């Protein structure tokens, strides 16, 4: 599914050939229809603001009222003129004294660019702290910036959002994603020119057909050979997580390139994965992807091995292989030639792109263009961007904030890359699998659990 910013929405609305009043009528009707489908008849409060979003709410309120629902319409700075006893001003006292457990938020929509007025903050706080209220937002929760997902001082936390035509950036970027609840996309007849849209929500439809089919593969090397580079013997558990992830996701063979002082550890805990001296294996021409960074440490050896790896094809850089270039990121970028995926969390990203500003999407796009690599900017809203300007957004559960989770992700991506997927598809697919494993496992997740969940996720993906 495509994701739009506010300016794109306005542009498509203006070019669709439908008058704005008709679009408002359609929007209000589909909101009303959604309420009918989602909830039993009950008292409802519609809070309506001064713009078109507020007018959408008024249409929905009238529709519900005409169908026999007990409705109170509360207006805030509205130009709508309805002189009836079910229409009152939006005040703190009125919202507190209402008997409704269902609130429709139609205060501010995608055009919000300023902070929420002070007189509304106490109302927002009351709504958010009322455990007996169900909140349905019209298009986007009031107080969320459509283009960045940021909270504009304060925002209403919705249980459900009814949005028009397609997702907006504010629905998928954190913290807006955590305020939007379950998002329902409804059609109001706005045509979208998909050739002008570069941002999409991560779904299997984007990359599923790019995953190689096992029935056409003849031997383990044909399935891909992943090499995991390690340094020293202090954090070698990270290399094990990376290697096991690559193997589980389908790489036919995985080796760890290590130093001799790590042999005893790997010999004690690895059976399906080989371990070899770095110098003995790095130039094996059967290798189809290389992963470096997790557990390597910040050292000159890590730096040199990263530059060595970048002279090969199909590389994944994570963790220390990123941070080691914090004082010389130009050197790192100059070494990137082809098929490189960089997977930083926000702290690592700032170390090699300290000069970039803007939303996460804007920064990831600029970083991919500058570095000529696929960027996986990790977080609750992971952004995958390629040098051509394509962007995919992936929302992840907070349970993935656990030690070793990033190592597992780099292994999954590297394993997919080794199998023949292009870097952008491998990154999008890997991030999705990683997230799906966490969602299916649930509470108590640790990094090892993600790896064990991979076969079940793959089985369901292809069932």
Protein backbone atom coordinates (compact mmCIF):
# COMPACT_ATOMS: atom_id res chain seq x y z
CA UNK A 1 0.00 0.00 0.00
CA UNK A 2 1.28 3.46 -0.88
CA UNK A 3 1.87 6.14 1.76
CA UNK A 4 1.25 9.83 1.01
CA UNK A 5 2.23 13.13 2.58
CA UNK A 6 -0.26 15.94 3.00
CA UNK A 7 0.81 17.84 -0.09
CA UNK A 8 0.34 14.77 -2.28
CA UNK A 9 -3.15 14.22 -0.89
CA UNK A 10 -4.14 17.82 -1.69
CA UNK A 11 -2.64 17.53 -5.18
CA UNK A 12 -4.54 14.32 -5.96
CA UNK A 13 -7.77 15.80 -4.57
CA UNK A 14 -7.40 18.88 -6.75
CA UNK A 15 -6.73 16.84 -9.89
CA UNK A 16 -9.40 14.16 -9.41
CA UNK A 17 -12.17 16.26 -10.97
CA UNK A 18 -14.49 16.07 -7.95
CA UNK A 19 -15.62 19.25 -6.17
CA UNK A 20 -14.39 19.65 -2.59
CA UNK A 21 -17.95 19.74 -1.20
CA UNK A 22 -18.66 16.39 -2.85
CA UNK A 23 -15.44 14.91 -1.42
CA UNK A 24 -16.46 16.13 2.05
CA UNK A 25 -19.88 14.53 1.60
CA UNK A 26 -18.31 11.25 0.52
CA UNK A 27 -15.81 11.32 3.38
CA UNK A 28 -18.48 11.93 5.99
CA UNK A 29 -20.64 9.15 4.56
CA UNK A 30 -17.87 6.53 4.61
CA UNK A 31 -17.04 7.51 8.19
CA UNK A 32 -20.69 7.01 9.10
CA UNK A 33 -20.77 3.67 7.28
CA UNK A 34 -17.63 2.58 9.13
CA UNK A 35 -19.19 3.46 12.49
CA UNK A 36 -22.30 1.43 11.58
CA UNK A 37 -20.13 -1.57 10.68
CA UNK A 38 -17.78 -1.39 13.65
CA UNK A 39 -20.05 -0.53 16.58
CA UNK A 40 -23.57 -1.20 17.87
CA UNK A 41 -25.94 1.74 18.15
CA UNK A 42 -24.97 3.85 21.16
CA UNK A 43 -24.59 7.48 22.26
CA UNK A 44 -21.81 9.19 20.31
CA UNK A 45 -20.00 12.51 20.59
CA UNK A 46 -18.56 14.01 17.41
CA UNK A 47 -15.96 16.73 18.02
CA UNK A 48 -15.63 18.91 14.93
CA UNK A 49 -12.98 21.50 14.10
CA UNK A 50 -12.73 24.48 11.75
CA UNK A 51 -11.49 22.84 8.53
CA UNK A 52 -12.56 20.21 6.05
CA UNK A 53 -11.85 17.46 8.58
CA UNK A 54 -14.39 19.07 10.85
CA UNK A 55 -16.91 19.21 8.00
CA UNK A 56 -16.35 15.48 7.41
CA UNK A 57 -17.32 14.98 11.04
CA UNK A 58 -20.45 17.10 10.68
CA UNK A 59 -21.63 15.00 7.72
CA UNK A 60 -21.03 11.81 9.71
CA UNK A 61 -22.84 13.25 12.74
CA UNK A 62 -25.91 14.16 10.68
CA UNK A 63 -25.92 10.71 9.09
CA UNK A 64 -25.77 8.96 12.47
CA UNK A 65 -28.46 11.26 13.85
CA UNK A 66 -30.75 10.54 10.89
CA UNK A 67 -30.37 6.82 11.54
CA UNK A 68 -31.54 7.14 15.13
CA UNK A 69 -28.23 7.26 16.96
CA UNK A 70 -28.07 9.54 20.03
CA UNK A 71 -25.56 12.14 18.80
CA UNK A 72 -24.00 15.23 20.34
CA UNK A 73 -22.02 17.39 17.91
CA UNK A 74 -19.42 19.56 19.66
CA UNK A 75 -18.00 22.39 17.53
CA UNK A 76 -14.63 24.10 17.93
CA UNK A 77 -14.04 27.36 16.01
CA UNK A 78 -16.37 26.00 13.35
CA UNK A 79 -18.10 27.98 10.61
CA UNK A 80 -20.88 25.38 10.50
CA UNK A 81 -24.21 26.95 11.48
CA UNK A 82 -26.57 24.41 13.08
CA UNK A 83 -29.00 25.86 15.59
CA UNK A 84 -30.27 22.68 17.21
CA UNK A 85 -30.13 21.38 20.77
CA UNK A 86 -27.87 18.43 19.87
CA UNK A 87 -25.12 20.83 18.72
CA UNK A 88 -23.00 22.48 21.45
CA UNK A 89 -19.57 24.12 21.75
CA UNK A 90 -16.57 21.90 22.48
CA UNK A 91 -15.61 22.69 26.07
CA UNK A 92 -13.98 20.70 28.84
CA UNK A 93 -17.21 20.65 30.85
CA UNK A 94 -19.29 19.51 27.88
CA UNK A 95 -16.94 16.63 27.04
CA UNK A 96 -16.69 15.53 30.70
CA UNK A 97 -20.46 15.65 31.21
CA UNK A 98 -21.31 13.76 28.03
CA UNK A 99 -22.76 10.28 28.52
CA UNK A 100 -21.12 8.83 25.43
CA UNK A 101 -18.47 6.12 25.42
CA UNK A 102 -17.85 6.62 21.68
CA UNK A 103 -16.04 9.75 20.47
CA UNK A 104 -15.45 10.65 16.83
CA UNK A 105 -12.42 12.93 16.50
CA UNK A 106 -12.84 15.30 13.54
CA UNK A 107 -11.00 18.30 14.98
CA UNK A 108 -7.87 18.58 12.85
CA UNK A 109 -6.85 16.60 9.79
CA UNK A 110 -3.87 16.26 7.48
CA UNK A 111 -3.39 20.03 7.15
CA UNK A 112 -2.33 20.56 10.76
CA UNK A 113 1.04 22.35 10.88
CA UNK A 114 0.93 24.25 14.18
CA UNK A 115 0.83 23.21 17.80
CA UNK A 116 -2.51 22.36 19.38
CA UNK A 117 -4.07 25.38 21.17
CA UNK A 118 -3.71 25.40 24.94
CA UNK A 119 -7.48 25.34 25.53
CA UNK A 120 -7.66 21.89 23.91
CA UNK A 121 -4.84 20.22 25.84
CA UNK A 122 -7.00 19.48 28.90
CA UNK A 123 -9.72 18.04 26.65
CA UNK A 124 -7.19 15.80 24.86
CA UNK A 125 -5.78 14.67 28.21
CA UNK A 126 -9.24 13.81 29.52
CA UNK A 127 -10.10 11.78 26.42
CA UNK A 128 -6.77 9.93 26.46
CA UNK A 129 -7.08 9.06 30.15
CA UNK A 130 -10.70 7.89 29.99
CA UNK A 131 -10.53 4.12 29.91
CA UNK A 132 -14.24 3.83 29.15
CA UNK A 133 -14.03 5.85 25.90
CA UNK A 134 -13.55 4.46 22.40
CA UNK A 135 -12.06 7.03 20.03
CA UNK A 136 -12.43 6.96 16.25
CA UNK A 137 -10.25 9.47 14.38
CA UNK A 138 -11.30 10.89 11.03
CA UNK A 139 -8.37 10.65 8.57
CA UNK A 140 -5.67 11.13 11.24
CA UNK A 141 -5.74 11.65 15.02
CA UNK A 142 -5.92 15.33 15.94
CA UNK A 143 -2.50 16.63 16.95
CA UNK A 144 -0.46 14.29 14.72
CA UNK A 145 1.57 15.92 11.96
CA UNK A 146 0.61 14.14 8.73
CA UNK A 147 4.06 14.57 7.18
CA UNK A 148 6.28 13.54 10.11
CA UNK A 149 4.18 11.56 12.59
CA UNK A 150 5.23 13.99 15.31
CA UNK A 151 2.91 15.07 18.13
CA UNK A 152 2.16 18.77 17.81
CA UNK A 153 2.24 19.51 21.53
CA UNK A 154 -0.48 17.00 22.36
CA UNK A 155 -2.62 14.58 20.40
CA UNK A 156 -5.70 12.42 20.73
CA UNK A 157 -4.93 8.72 20.99
CA UNK A 158 -7.34 6.85 18.73
CA UNK A 159 -8.45 3.25 18.95
CA UNK A 160 -9.51 3.32 15.29
CA UNK A 161 -8.64 5.67 12.44
CA UNK A 162 -10.79 5.93 9.32
CA UNK A 163 -8.54 7.36 6.61
CA UNK A 164 -9.30 8.16 3.00
CA UNK A 165 -7.78 6.61 -0.15
CA UNK A 166 -4.51 5.38 1.39
CA UNK A 167 -2.21 5.62 4.39
CA UNK A 168 -0.51 8.89 5.32
CA UNK A 169 3.03 9.27 6.64
CA UNK A 170 1.66 10.24 10.05
CA UNK A 171 0.02 6.81 10.37
CA UNK A 172 3.26 4.88 9.88
CA UNK A 173 5.97 7.01 11.49
CA UNK A 174 6.43 6.87 15.25
CA UNK A 175 4.94 8.31 17.42
CA UNK A 176 2.00 8.90 15.08
CA UNK A 177 1.73 5.16 14.46
CA UNK A 178 1.16 4.59 18.19
CA UNK A 179 -1.67 7.16 18.24
CA UNK A 180 -3.54 5.85 15.19
CA UNK A 181 -4.83 2.54 16.53
CA UNK A 182 -6.22 0.20 13.88
CA UNK A 183 -6.27 2.09 10.59
CA UNK A 184 -9.09 1.42 8.12
CA UNK A 185 -8.53 2.76 4.59
CA UNK A 186 -11.72 3.70 2.72
CA UNK A 187 -12.22 4.88 -0.85
CA UNK A 188 -13.82 8.24 -1.68
CA UNK A 189 -12.98 8.28 -5.38
CA UNK A 190 -9.65 10.12 -5.41
CA UNK A 191 -7.45 8.76 -8.18
CA UNK A 192 -3.82 8.23 -7.17
CA UNK A 193 -1.04 8.50 -9.74
CA UNK A 194 1.16 5.69 -8.46
CA UNK A 195 4.06 6.79 -10.67
CA UNK A 196 4.42 9.84 -8.43
CA UNK A 197 4.49 7.87 -5.16
CA UNK A 198 7.78 6.50 -3.80
CA UNK A 199 6.77 5.54 -0.25
CA UNK A 200 5.05 2.26 0.56
CA UNK A 201 4.04 0.21 3.57
CA UNK A 202 6.01 -3.02 3.90
CA UNK A 203 3.91 -5.98 2.78
CA UNK A 204 4.81 -9.32 1.16
CA UNK A 205 3.23 -8.17 -2.10
CA UNK A 206 6.28 -5.95 -2.64
CA UNK A 207 8.91 -8.72 -2.58
CA UNK A 208 7.38 -12.19 -2.18
CA UNK A 209 7.84 -13.12 -5.83
CA UNK A 210 11.53 -12.22 -5.61
CA UNK A 211 12.28 -14.97 -3.07
CA UNK A 212 14.00 -17.84 -4.93
CA UNK A 213 11.95 -21.04 -5.20
CA UNK A 214 13.60 -24.05 -3.60
CA UNK A 215 12.43 -26.53 -6.22
CA UNK A 216 14.76 -24.98 -8.80
CA UNK A 217 17.85 -25.17 -6.59
CA UNK A 218 20.27 -28.06 -7.03
CA UNK A 219 22.74 -27.86 -4.12
CA UNK A 220 23.65 -25.92 -0.99
CA UNK A 221 25.92 -23.48 -2.79
CA UNK A 222 23.14 -22.68 -5.25
CA UNK A 223 21.02 -21.60 -2.27
CA UNK A 224 23.70 -19.09 -1.34
CA UNK A 225 26.87 -18.98 0.75
CA UNK A 226 26.86 -16.42 3.57
CA UNK A 227 30.05 -15.37 5.32
CA UNK A 228 29.84 -13.74 8.75
CA UNK A 229 32.95 -11.76 9.66
CA UNK A 230 34.00 -11.58 13.28
CA UNK A 231 36.92 -9.94 15.11
CA UNK A 232 38.60 -11.28 18.26
CA UNK A 233 36.87 -13.38 20.90
CA UNK A 234 35.02 -10.96 23.20
CA UNK A 235 31.53 -10.65 21.66
CA UNK A 236 31.38 -13.75 19.53
CA UNK A 237 27.82 -14.56 20.60
CA UNK A 238 26.72 -11.84 18.18
CA UNK A 239 28.35 -13.67 15.27
CA UNK A 240 26.55 -16.84 16.27
CA UNK A 241 23.18 -15.03 16.21
CA UNK A 242 23.95 -13.57 12.78
CA UNK A 243 25.05 -16.92 11.35
CA UNK A 244 22.11 -18.91 12.71
CA UNK A 245 19.68 -16.31 11.34
CA UNK A 246 21.18 -16.48 7.86
CA UNK A 247 21.02 -20.27 7.93
CA UNK A 248 17.42 -20.38 9.16
CA UNK A 249 16.18 -17.95 6.51
CA UNK A 250 17.50 -20.15 3.73
CA UNK A 251 21.19 -19.59 3.02
CA UNK A 252 22.53 -22.97 1.87
CA UNK A 253 25.80 -22.67 3.74
CA UNK A 254 27.09 -20.25 6.37
CA UNK A 255 30.64 -19.81 7.62
CA UNK A 256 32.09 -17.53 10.29
CA UNK A 257 35.38 -15.86 9.35
CA UNK A 258 37.18 -15.46 12.65
CA UNK A 259 40.51 -15.32 14.44
CA UNK A 260 42.20 -18.39 15.88
CA UNK A 261 41.55 -17.31 19.48
CA UNK A 262 37.80 -17.78 18.86
CA UNK A 263 38.04 -21.35 17.57
CA UNK A 264 37.41 -23.00 20.95
CA UNK A 265 34.14 -21.12 21.48
CA UNK A 266 32.77 -21.86 18.04
CA UNK A 267 33.83 -25.51 18.28
CA UNK A 268 31.80 -25.83 21.50
CA UNK A 269 28.53 -24.38 20.22
CA UNK A 270 28.28 -24.69 16.42
CA UNK A 271 27.26 -27.75 14.44
CA UNK A 272 25.53 -26.50 11.29
CA UNK A 273 27.90 -23.57 10.80
CA UNK A 274 31.56 -23.72 9.80
CA UNK A 275 34.26 -21.48 11.24
CA UNK A 276 37.42 -20.59 9.37
CA UNK A 277 40.33 -18.19 9.65
CA UNK A 278 39.44 -14.85 8.10
CA UNK A 279 42.41 -14.82 5.72
CA UNK A 280 41.67 -18.37 4.56
CA UNK A 281 38.06 -17.76 3.55
CA UNK A 282 37.53 -14.10 2.64
CA UNK A 283 38.45 -14.61 -1.02
CA UNK A 284 36.39 -17.77 -1.60
CA UNK A 285 34.58 -17.00 -4.85
CA UNK A 286 31.62 -19.20 -3.87
CA UNK A 287 30.55 -16.64 -1.22
CA UNK A 288 27.40 -14.77 -2.25
CA UNK A 289 26.97 -12.41 0.72
CA UNK A 290 29.11 -11.08 3.56
CA UNK A 291 27.91 -9.67 6.88
CA UNK A 292 30.24 -7.65 9.09
CA UNK A 293 29.86 -5.57 12.23
CA UNK A 294 28.00 -7.35 15.05
CA UNK A 295 30.36 -8.01 17.94
CA UNK A 296 33.43 -6.88 16.00
CA UNK A 297 34.34 -3.95 18.27
CA UNK A 298 35.61 -0.50 17.35
CA UNK A 299 39.16 -1.13 16.19
CA UNK A 300 41.51 -0.70 13.27
CA UNK A 301 41.04 -4.38 12.42
CA UNK A 302 37.28 -3.88 12.12
CA UNK A 303 37.88 -0.84 9.95
CA UNK A 304 40.29 -2.65 7.63
CA UNK A 305 38.13 -5.74 7.34
CA UNK A 306 35.08 -3.62 6.53
CA UNK A 307 36.94 -1.90 3.70
CA UNK A 308 38.13 -5.31 2.52
CA UNK A 309 34.56 -6.64 2.55
CA UNK A 310 33.32 -3.62 0.59
CA UNK A 311 35.56 -4.63 -2.31
CA UNK A 312 33.35 -7.71 -2.69
CA UNK A 313 29.70 -7.91 -3.78
CA UNK A 314 26.60 -8.29 -1.61
CA UNK A 315 27.59 -6.86 1.77
CA UNK A 316 25.61 -6.09 4.92
CA UNK A 317 27.18 -3.55 7.30
CA UNK A 318 25.83 -3.39 10.84
CA UNK A 319 26.80 -2.19 14.30
CA UNK A 320 30.57 -1.71 14.73
CA UNK A 321 31.34 -1.76 11.00
CA UNK A 322 29.25 1.43 10.85
CA UNK A 323 30.41 3.14 14.05
CA UNK A 324 34.09 2.58 13.28
CA UNK A 325 33.74 5.18 10.50
CA UNK A 326 32.15 7.88 12.69
CA UNK A 327 35.22 10.10 12.24
CA UNK A 328 35.69 9.33 8.53
CA UNK A 329 32.33 8.53 6.97
CA UNK A 330 33.55 9.91 3.64
CA UNK A 331 36.03 7.03 3.46
CA UNK A 332 33.22 4.53 4.03
CA UNK A 333 31.05 6.06 1.31
CA UNK A 334 33.93 6.13 -1.17
CA UNK A 335 34.43 2.37 -0.76
CA UNK A 336 30.80 1.48 -1.51
CA UNK A 337 30.55 0.30 -5.10
CA UNK A 338 27.64 -2.11 -5.42
CA UNK A 339 25.03 -4.16 -3.55
CA UNK A 340 25.62 -2.86 -0.03
CA UNK A 341 23.03 -2.73 2.75
CA UNK A 342 23.70 -0.59 5.84
CA UNK A 343 21.51 -1.36 8.88
CA UNK A 344 22.02 1.32 11.57
CA UNK A 345 19.84 2.13 14.54
CA UNK A 346 19.31 5.85 15.05
CA UNK A 347 22.47 6.32 17.14
CA UNK A 348 24.68 4.60 14.58
CA UNK A 349 22.96 6.52 11.79
CA UNK A 350 23.84 9.84 13.41
CA UNK A 351 27.49 8.80 13.67
CA UNK A 352 27.93 8.50 9.92
CA UNK A 353 25.25 10.98 8.82
CA UNK A 354 25.57 13.70 11.49
CA UNK A 355 24.71 16.44 9.00
CA UNK A 356 21.30 15.08 7.94
CA UNK A 357 18.08 16.57 9.30
CA UNK A 358 14.35 16.12 8.73
CA UNK A 359 11.95 13.24 9.24
CA UNK A 360 13.24 9.67 9.34
CA UNK A 361 12.01 9.15 5.80
CA UNK A 362 13.76 12.27 4.52
CA UNK A 363 17.01 11.38 6.27
CA UNK A 364 16.98 7.76 5.08
CA UNK A 365 16.35 8.86 1.48
CA UNK A 366 19.22 11.35 1.61
CA UNK A 367 21.51 8.78 3.23
CA UNK A 368 20.79 6.17 0.55
CA UNK A 369 21.40 8.69 -2.22
CA UNK A 370 24.63 9.89 -0.66
CA UNK A 371 26.09 6.49 0.23
CA UNK A 372 24.78 4.62 -2.85
CA UNK A 373 23.68 1.87 -0.46
CA UNK A 374 20.34 0.53 0.71
CA UNK A 375 19.69 2.04 4.14
CA UNK A 376 17.75 0.19 6.83
CA UNK A 377 17.16 2.83 9.52
CA UNK A 378 15.94 0.69 12.42
CA UNK A 379 13.40 1.54 15.09
CA UNK A 380 9.69 1.18 15.89
CA UNK A 381 9.23 2.62 12.40
CA UNK A 382 12.03 1.08 10.36
CA UNK A 383 12.72 2.91 7.09
CA UNK A 384 14.20 1.05 4.11
CA UNK A 385 15.46 3.38 1.37
CA UNK A 386 17.38 2.75 -1.84
CA UNK A 387 19.57 5.14 -3.87
CA UNK A 388 16.79 5.63 -6.47
CA UNK A 389 14.48 7.24 -3.91
CA UNK A 390 12.19 4.30 -3.16
CA UNK A 391 11.12 4.02 0.47
CA UNK A 392 9.35 1.30 2.44
CA UNK A 393 8.12 1.79 6.00
CA UNK A 394 7.82 -1.08 8.47
CA UNK A 395 6.23 -0.86 11.92
CA UNK A 396 7.65 -3.18 14.57
CA UNK A 397 6.57 -4.20 18.09
CA UNK A 398 8.48 -2.83 21.07
CA UNK A 399 9.46 -6.40 22.02
CA UNK A 400 12.19 -6.18 19.38
CA UNK A 401 14.04 -3.73 21.64
CA UNK A 402 16.09 -6.58 23.09
CA UNK A 403 19.80 -7.41 23.00
CA UNK A 404 20.85 -9.22 19.84
CA UNK A 405 17.70 -8.39 17.89
CA UNK A 406 19.67 -6.25 15.43
CA UNK A 407 22.23 -9.03 14.95
CA UNK A 408 19.43 -11.40 14.00
CA UNK A 409 18.06 -8.88 11.51
CA UNK A 410 21.42 -8.46 9.78
CA UNK A 411 21.68 -12.25 9.51
CA UNK A 412 18.20 -12.57 8.01
CA UNK A 413 18.90 -9.84 5.46
CA UNK A 414 22.32 -11.27 4.63
CA UNK A 415 20.87 -14.74 4.16
CA UNK A 416 18.24 -13.45 1.75
CA UNK A 417 20.86 -11.42 -0.09
CA UNK A 418 23.02 -14.52 -0.51
CA UNK A 419 20.11 -16.40 -2.10
CA UNK A 420 19.97 -13.96 -5.01
CA UNK A 421 17.46 -11.31 -3.95
CA UNK A 422 18.41 -7.75 -4.84
CA UNK A 423 19.48 -5.58 -1.87
CA UNK A 424 16.26 -3.56 -1.59
CA UNK A 425 13.98 -6.61 -1.75
CA UNK A 426 16.23 -8.53 0.66
CA UNK A 427 16.14 -5.65 3.13
CA UNK A 428 12.34 -5.23 2.93
CA UNK A 429 11.72 -8.97 3.16
CA UNK A 430 14.19 -9.39 6.02
CA UNK A 431 12.69 -6.57 8.07
CA UNK A 432 9.19 -7.99 7.55
CA UNK A 433 10.22 -11.52 8.60
CA UNK A 434 12.01 -10.14 11.66
CA UNK A 435 8.90 -8.19 12.69
CA UNK A 436 6.53 -11.08 12.00
CA UNK A 437 8.62 -13.42 14.15
CA UNK A 438 8.39 -10.98 17.05
CA UNK A 439 4.65 -10.46 16.68
CA UNK A 440 3.93 -14.18 16.54
CA UNK A 441 6.14 -15.01 19.53
CA UNK A 442 4.73 -12.24 21.72
CA UNK A 443 5.74 -11.38 25.28
CA UNK A 444 9.09 -12.55 26.65
CA UNK A 445 10.92 -12.44 23.32
CA UNK A 446 14.72 -12.70 23.23
CA UNK A 447 16.96 -12.74 20.18
CA UNK A 448 17.27 -16.54 20.09
CA UNK A 449 13.47 -16.83 19.93
CA UNK A 450 13.35 -14.78 16.73
CA UNK A 451 15.63 -17.30 15.02
CA UNK A 452 13.55 -20.26 16.16
CA UNK A 453 10.39 -18.56 14.86
CA UNK A 454 11.73 -18.03 11.32
CA UNK A 455 10.66 -21.44 9.88
CA UNK A 456 7.06 -20.97 11.06
CA UNK A 457 6.88 -17.49 9.57
CA UNK A 458 8.27 -18.72 6.25
CA UNK A 459 5.85 -21.65 6.23
CA UNK A 460 2.87 -19.32 6.67
CA UNK A 461 4.26 -16.88 4.12
CA UNK A 462 4.21 -19.55 1.41
CA UNK A 463 1.14 -21.49 2.51
